[in-house]
N, C-alpha and C. Protein backbone atom coordinates (compact mmCIF):
# COMPACT_ATOMS: atom_id res chain seq x y z
N MET A 1 85.08 134.54 114.25
CA MET A 1 84.57 133.27 113.82
C MET A 1 84.91 132.24 114.87
N GLU A 2 84.00 131.34 115.12
CA GLU A 2 84.22 130.35 116.17
C GLU A 2 85.30 129.35 115.79
N ARG A 3 85.97 128.81 116.80
CA ARG A 3 87.13 127.94 116.60
C ARG A 3 86.79 126.67 115.77
N LYS A 4 85.60 126.13 115.96
CA LYS A 4 85.24 124.91 115.21
C LYS A 4 85.18 125.23 113.72
N ARG A 5 84.61 126.35 113.39
CA ARG A 5 84.52 126.74 111.97
C ARG A 5 85.91 127.03 111.39
N LEU A 6 86.73 127.70 112.16
CA LEU A 6 88.11 127.97 111.71
C LEU A 6 88.84 126.67 111.45
N SER A 7 88.67 125.73 112.35
CA SER A 7 89.29 124.42 112.21
C SER A 7 88.84 123.72 110.93
N GLN A 8 87.57 123.84 110.61
CA GLN A 8 87.02 123.26 109.37
C GLN A 8 87.64 123.93 108.15
N VAL A 9 87.75 125.26 108.20
CA VAL A 9 88.35 125.98 107.07
C VAL A 9 89.82 125.58 106.89
N GLU A 10 90.54 125.49 108.00
CA GLU A 10 91.95 125.06 107.96
C GLU A 10 92.06 123.68 107.34
N SER A 11 91.23 122.78 107.78
CA SER A 11 91.25 121.41 107.28
C SER A 11 90.94 121.37 105.78
N TYR A 12 89.96 122.17 105.38
CA TYR A 12 89.57 122.20 103.98
C TYR A 12 90.73 122.75 103.10
N ILE A 13 91.35 123.84 103.56
CA ILE A 13 92.46 124.40 102.80
C ILE A 13 93.58 123.39 102.68
N LYS A 14 93.94 122.72 103.79
CA LYS A 14 95.00 121.73 103.77
C LYS A 14 94.70 120.62 102.76
N GLN A 15 93.47 120.13 102.81
CA GLN A 15 93.06 119.05 101.91
C GLN A 15 93.09 119.49 100.46
N HIS A 16 92.55 120.70 100.21
CA HIS A 16 92.44 121.22 98.83
C HIS A 16 93.83 121.42 98.23
N VAL A 17 94.71 122.09 98.96
CA VAL A 17 96.06 122.38 98.44
C VAL A 17 96.84 121.10 98.27
N SER A 18 96.73 120.17 99.24
CA SER A 18 97.39 118.87 99.13
C SER A 18 96.91 118.12 97.90
N ASN A 19 95.62 118.20 97.63
CA ASN A 19 95.06 117.53 96.45
C ASN A 19 95.57 118.17 95.17
N MET A 20 95.72 119.50 95.14
CA MET A 20 96.25 120.18 93.97
C MET A 20 97.67 119.69 93.68
N ILE A 21 98.43 119.47 94.75
CA ILE A 21 99.81 119.01 94.56
C ILE A 21 99.84 117.54 94.13
N ALA A 22 99.03 116.73 94.79
CA ALA A 22 98.99 115.29 94.49
C ALA A 22 98.51 115.00 93.08
N THR A 23 97.55 115.76 92.59
CA THR A 23 97.03 115.53 91.22
C THR A 23 97.84 116.29 90.19
N ARG A 24 98.89 116.97 90.65
CA ARG A 24 99.80 117.69 89.78
C ARG A 24 99.10 118.81 89.00
N GLU A 25 98.09 119.36 89.66
CA GLU A 25 97.42 120.54 89.08
C GLU A 25 98.38 121.73 89.05
N ILE A 26 99.28 121.76 90.01
CA ILE A 26 100.37 122.72 89.99
C ILE A 26 101.49 122.02 89.22
N SER A 27 101.82 122.54 88.07
CA SER A 27 102.61 121.78 87.13
C SER A 27 104.10 121.73 87.41
N ASP A 28 104.61 122.43 88.39
CA ASP A 28 106.04 122.48 88.67
C ASP A 28 106.45 121.20 89.42
N PRO A 29 107.28 120.35 88.81
CA PRO A 29 107.64 119.07 89.43
C PRO A 29 108.49 119.23 90.70
N ARG A 30 109.05 120.41 90.95
CA ARG A 30 109.87 120.61 92.15
C ARG A 30 109.06 120.52 93.43
N ILE A 31 107.75 120.66 93.34
CA ILE A 31 106.92 120.61 94.57
C ILE A 31 106.06 119.37 94.66
N TRP A 32 106.21 118.44 93.75
CA TRP A 32 105.39 117.25 93.75
C TRP A 32 105.58 116.34 94.97
N ASP A 33 106.73 116.42 95.63
CA ASP A 33 106.98 115.63 96.81
C ASP A 33 106.67 116.38 98.10
N LEU A 34 106.14 117.54 97.98
CA LEU A 34 105.84 118.42 99.12
C LEU A 34 104.64 117.89 99.91
N VAL A 35 104.69 118.06 101.22
CA VAL A 35 103.57 117.66 102.09
C VAL A 35 103.15 118.88 102.89
N ILE A 36 101.87 119.20 102.84
CA ILE A 36 101.31 120.27 103.69
C ILE A 36 101.09 119.66 105.05
N THR A 37 101.78 120.17 106.07
CA THR A 37 101.69 119.61 107.41
C THR A 37 100.68 120.28 108.30
N LYS A 38 100.45 121.57 108.07
CA LYS A 38 99.54 122.29 108.97
C LYS A 38 99.08 123.57 108.28
N VAL A 39 97.88 124.01 108.61
CA VAL A 39 97.35 125.28 108.11
C VAL A 39 96.79 126.03 109.30
N LYS A 40 97.14 127.33 109.41
CA LYS A 40 96.63 128.19 110.46
C LYS A 40 95.99 129.39 109.80
N VAL A 41 94.70 129.61 110.07
CA VAL A 41 93.95 130.73 109.48
C VAL A 41 93.63 131.74 110.58
N THR A 42 93.77 133.03 110.24
CA THR A 42 93.44 134.05 111.19
C THR A 42 91.93 134.09 111.42
N ARG A 43 91.51 134.65 112.55
CA ARG A 43 90.08 134.66 112.91
C ARG A 43 89.20 135.34 111.85
N ASP A 44 89.74 136.33 111.17
CA ASP A 44 88.94 137.04 110.14
C ASP A 44 89.07 136.39 108.76
N ILE A 45 89.78 135.29 108.69
CA ILE A 45 90.00 134.52 107.45
C ILE A 45 90.67 135.38 106.35
N GLN A 46 91.40 136.38 106.73
CA GLN A 46 92.10 137.19 105.74
C GLN A 46 93.45 136.58 105.36
N ASN A 47 94.04 135.82 106.24
CA ASN A 47 95.37 135.25 106.01
C ASN A 47 95.41 133.79 106.46
N ALA A 48 96.21 133.02 105.73
CA ALA A 48 96.42 131.63 106.09
C ALA A 48 97.88 131.31 105.96
N LYS A 49 98.42 130.67 107.00
CA LYS A 49 99.81 130.21 106.98
C LYS A 49 99.74 128.70 106.69
N LEU A 50 100.43 128.32 105.63
CA LEU A 50 100.49 126.93 105.25
C LEU A 50 101.91 126.43 105.52
N TYR A 51 102.02 125.40 106.36
CA TYR A 51 103.32 124.86 106.71
C TYR A 51 103.51 123.58 105.87
N TYR A 52 104.70 123.47 105.33
CA TYR A 52 104.99 122.32 104.44
C TYR A 52 106.33 121.72 104.80
N PHE A 53 106.50 120.47 104.31
CA PHE A 53 107.79 119.79 104.48
C PHE A 53 108.15 119.16 103.17
N ILE A 54 109.43 119.27 102.87
CA ILE A 54 110.01 118.60 101.68
C ILE A 54 111.45 118.31 102.04
N SER A 55 111.92 117.15 101.70
CA SER A 55 113.32 116.82 101.97
C SER A 55 114.18 117.31 100.83
N GLY A 56 115.46 117.45 101.14
CA GLY A 56 116.41 117.91 100.12
C GLY A 56 117.37 118.90 100.71
N SER A 57 118.21 119.45 99.84
CA SER A 57 119.24 120.41 100.25
C SER A 57 118.59 121.75 100.58
N GLN A 58 119.39 122.59 101.25
CA GLN A 58 118.90 123.92 101.59
C GLN A 58 118.56 124.72 100.33
N GLU A 59 119.36 124.56 99.30
CA GLU A 59 119.09 125.27 98.05
C GLU A 59 117.79 124.80 97.43
N ALA A 60 117.53 123.51 97.46
CA ALA A 60 116.28 122.98 96.90
C ALA A 60 115.09 123.52 97.70
N LYS A 61 115.24 123.62 99.01
CA LYS A 61 114.17 124.13 99.87
C LYS A 61 113.91 125.61 99.57
N LYS A 62 114.97 126.36 99.30
CA LYS A 62 114.75 127.79 98.91
C LYS A 62 114.05 127.90 97.58
N THR A 63 114.40 127.02 96.66
CA THR A 63 113.74 127.01 95.35
C THR A 63 112.26 126.69 95.51
N VAL A 64 111.94 125.70 96.33
CA VAL A 64 110.56 125.33 96.57
C VAL A 64 109.78 126.53 97.18
N GLN A 65 110.41 127.25 98.11
CA GLN A 65 109.79 128.41 98.72
C GLN A 65 109.42 129.43 97.64
N LYS A 66 110.33 129.67 96.69
CA LYS A 66 110.07 130.62 95.61
C LYS A 66 108.94 130.12 94.70
N VAL A 67 108.95 128.84 94.40
CA VAL A 67 107.91 128.27 93.56
C VAL A 67 106.55 128.44 94.23
N LEU A 68 106.46 128.18 95.53
CA LEU A 68 105.20 128.32 96.22
C LEU A 68 104.75 129.77 96.30
N LYS A 69 105.68 130.68 96.51
CA LYS A 69 105.34 132.09 96.52
C LYS A 69 104.76 132.54 95.16
N ASN A 70 105.38 132.08 94.09
CA ASN A 70 104.91 132.40 92.77
C ASN A 70 103.57 131.76 92.45
N ALA A 71 103.33 130.56 92.99
CA ALA A 71 102.10 129.84 92.70
C ALA A 71 100.95 130.21 93.64
N SER A 72 101.23 130.99 94.69
CA SER A 72 100.21 131.27 95.71
C SER A 72 98.96 131.94 95.13
N GLY A 73 99.14 132.84 94.16
CA GLY A 73 97.98 133.47 93.54
C GLY A 73 97.10 132.48 92.80
N TYR A 74 97.73 131.58 92.07
CA TYR A 74 96.99 130.54 91.35
C TYR A 74 96.27 129.62 92.33
N ILE A 75 96.97 129.22 93.38
CA ILE A 75 96.38 128.35 94.38
C ILE A 75 95.20 129.04 95.06
N ARG A 76 95.39 130.31 95.40
CA ARG A 76 94.31 131.08 96.06
C ARG A 76 93.10 131.19 95.13
N HIS A 77 93.34 131.49 93.87
CA HIS A 77 92.23 131.60 92.89
C HIS A 77 91.47 130.28 92.80
N ASN A 78 92.21 129.17 92.73
CA ASN A 78 91.61 127.86 92.63
C ASN A 78 90.81 127.54 93.89
N LEU A 79 91.36 127.91 95.02
CA LEU A 79 90.69 127.69 96.32
C LEU A 79 89.39 128.49 96.39
N ALA A 80 89.40 129.72 95.87
CA ALA A 80 88.23 130.59 95.92
C ALA A 80 87.06 129.99 95.16
N GLN A 81 87.33 129.14 94.19
CA GLN A 81 86.26 128.52 93.42
C GLN A 81 85.36 127.61 94.26
N SER A 82 85.95 127.05 95.32
CA SER A 82 85.20 126.05 96.08
C SER A 82 85.06 126.39 97.57
N LEU A 83 85.81 127.38 98.06
CA LEU A 83 85.70 127.72 99.48
C LEU A 83 84.45 128.52 99.71
N THR A 84 83.70 128.15 100.73
CA THR A 84 82.38 128.76 100.96
C THR A 84 82.44 129.87 102.04
N THR A 85 83.50 130.62 102.08
CA THR A 85 83.59 131.71 103.03
C THR A 85 83.50 133.02 102.26
N ARG A 86 83.24 134.10 102.98
CA ARG A 86 83.15 135.39 102.34
C ARG A 86 84.46 135.82 101.71
N TYR A 87 85.53 135.51 102.42
CA TYR A 87 86.87 135.88 101.94
C TYR A 87 87.69 134.63 101.64
N THR A 88 88.58 134.78 100.66
CA THR A 88 89.58 133.73 100.45
C THR A 88 90.88 134.27 101.01
N PRO A 89 91.48 133.60 101.94
CA PRO A 89 92.67 134.16 102.59
C PRO A 89 93.88 134.26 101.68
N GLU A 90 94.72 135.24 102.01
CA GLU A 90 96.06 135.30 101.40
C GLU A 90 96.82 134.11 101.90
N LEU A 91 97.54 133.44 101.03
CA LEU A 91 98.27 132.24 101.41
C LEU A 91 99.78 132.56 101.53
N VAL A 92 100.32 132.20 102.66
CA VAL A 92 101.75 132.36 102.89
C VAL A 92 102.31 130.98 103.30
N PHE A 93 103.35 130.56 102.64
CA PHE A 93 103.94 129.27 102.89
C PHE A 93 105.18 129.35 103.75
N TYR A 94 105.30 128.42 104.72
CA TYR A 94 106.44 128.35 105.63
C TYR A 94 106.94 126.94 105.68
N PHE A 95 108.27 126.78 105.66
CA PHE A 95 108.86 125.47 105.81
C PHE A 95 108.65 125.00 107.23
N ASP A 96 108.14 123.81 107.45
CA ASP A 96 107.91 123.26 108.75
C ASP A 96 109.16 122.56 109.23
N GLU A 97 109.86 123.17 110.13
CA GLU A 97 111.12 122.64 110.64
C GLU A 97 110.90 121.57 111.71
N ALA A 98 109.70 121.42 112.19
CA ALA A 98 109.44 120.47 113.28
C ALA A 98 109.79 119.03 112.87
N LEU A 99 109.42 118.64 111.67
CA LEU A 99 109.73 117.28 111.24
C LEU A 99 111.23 117.04 111.12
N GLU A 100 111.91 118.01 110.53
CA GLU A 100 113.37 117.91 110.39
C GLU A 100 114.04 117.84 111.78
N HIS A 101 113.56 118.67 112.67
CA HIS A 101 114.10 118.69 114.05
C HIS A 101 113.82 117.35 114.73
N GLY A 102 112.63 116.82 114.52
CA GLY A 102 112.28 115.52 115.11
C GLY A 102 113.15 114.40 114.59
N ASN A 103 113.43 114.41 113.29
CA ASN A 103 114.33 113.40 112.70
C ASN A 103 115.72 113.48 113.29
N LYS A 104 116.24 114.70 113.49
CA LYS A 104 117.56 114.88 114.05
C LYS A 104 117.58 114.34 115.50
N MET A 105 116.55 114.68 116.28
CA MET A 105 116.49 114.20 117.65
C MET A 105 116.43 112.67 117.71
N HIS A 106 115.65 112.07 116.81
CA HIS A 106 115.54 110.62 116.77
C HIS A 106 116.90 109.99 116.45
N SER A 107 117.63 110.56 115.50
CA SER A 107 118.97 110.06 115.15
C SER A 107 119.93 110.15 116.33
N LEU A 108 119.87 111.29 117.04
CA LEU A 108 120.71 111.45 118.22
C LEU A 108 120.40 110.45 119.30
N LEU A 109 119.13 110.24 119.56
CA LEU A 109 118.71 109.26 120.58
C LEU A 109 119.14 107.86 120.23
N GLU A 110 119.01 107.51 118.94
CA GLU A 110 119.47 106.18 118.49
C GLU A 110 120.97 106.02 118.68
N LYS A 111 121.74 107.07 118.37
CA LYS A 111 123.17 107.04 118.51
C LYS A 111 123.58 106.86 119.98
N VAL A 112 122.92 107.60 120.88
CA VAL A 112 123.21 107.47 122.30
C VAL A 112 122.83 106.08 122.80
N SER A 113 121.72 105.56 122.33
CA SER A 113 121.26 104.24 122.75
C SER A 113 122.30 103.17 122.31
N LYS A 114 122.81 103.28 121.10
CA LYS A 114 123.81 102.32 120.60
C LYS A 114 125.10 102.41 121.40
N GLU A 115 125.49 103.65 121.74
CA GLU A 115 126.72 103.83 122.51
C GLU A 115 126.58 103.24 123.92
N LEU A 116 125.40 103.43 124.53
CA LEU A 116 125.16 102.88 125.84
C LEU A 116 125.18 101.35 125.82
N LYS A 117 124.61 100.76 124.80
CA LYS A 117 124.60 99.30 124.66
C LYS A 117 126.00 98.77 124.45
N SER A 118 126.79 99.44 123.63
CA SER A 118 128.13 98.96 123.37
C SER A 118 129.06 99.16 124.57
N SER A 119 128.86 100.18 125.37
CA SER A 119 129.72 100.43 126.55
C SER A 119 129.34 99.50 127.71
N SER A 120 128.12 99.02 127.73
CA SER A 120 127.69 98.15 128.83
C SER A 120 128.03 96.68 128.56
N SER A 121 128.43 96.34 127.34
CA SER A 121 128.74 94.95 127.03
C SER A 121 130.17 94.62 127.28
């Protein structure tokens, strides 16, 4: 499948799943603050990796991962109702560590900046 079409499918899946979460169609409140950050679909549209971010403790993140794994069949079924492709991909959820890593880097840079300002005065 051409890249433009794959990109459209990825965008549609991201929007659809985000909307399911925002409208609380998925009834588990533990994922209501979750944000889908990226979707990657294989060329044959058999599999989709959905990257998400949610703040909280490591235990809360593990719980969210289990909730998403359990809800993936329901989400996939719901997606199949409106997705106009021959196949509806298997959905696998991954915690997106990029945002967390970016926040840590930002904090470190601010700390260094403050230390440099205080040492130069």
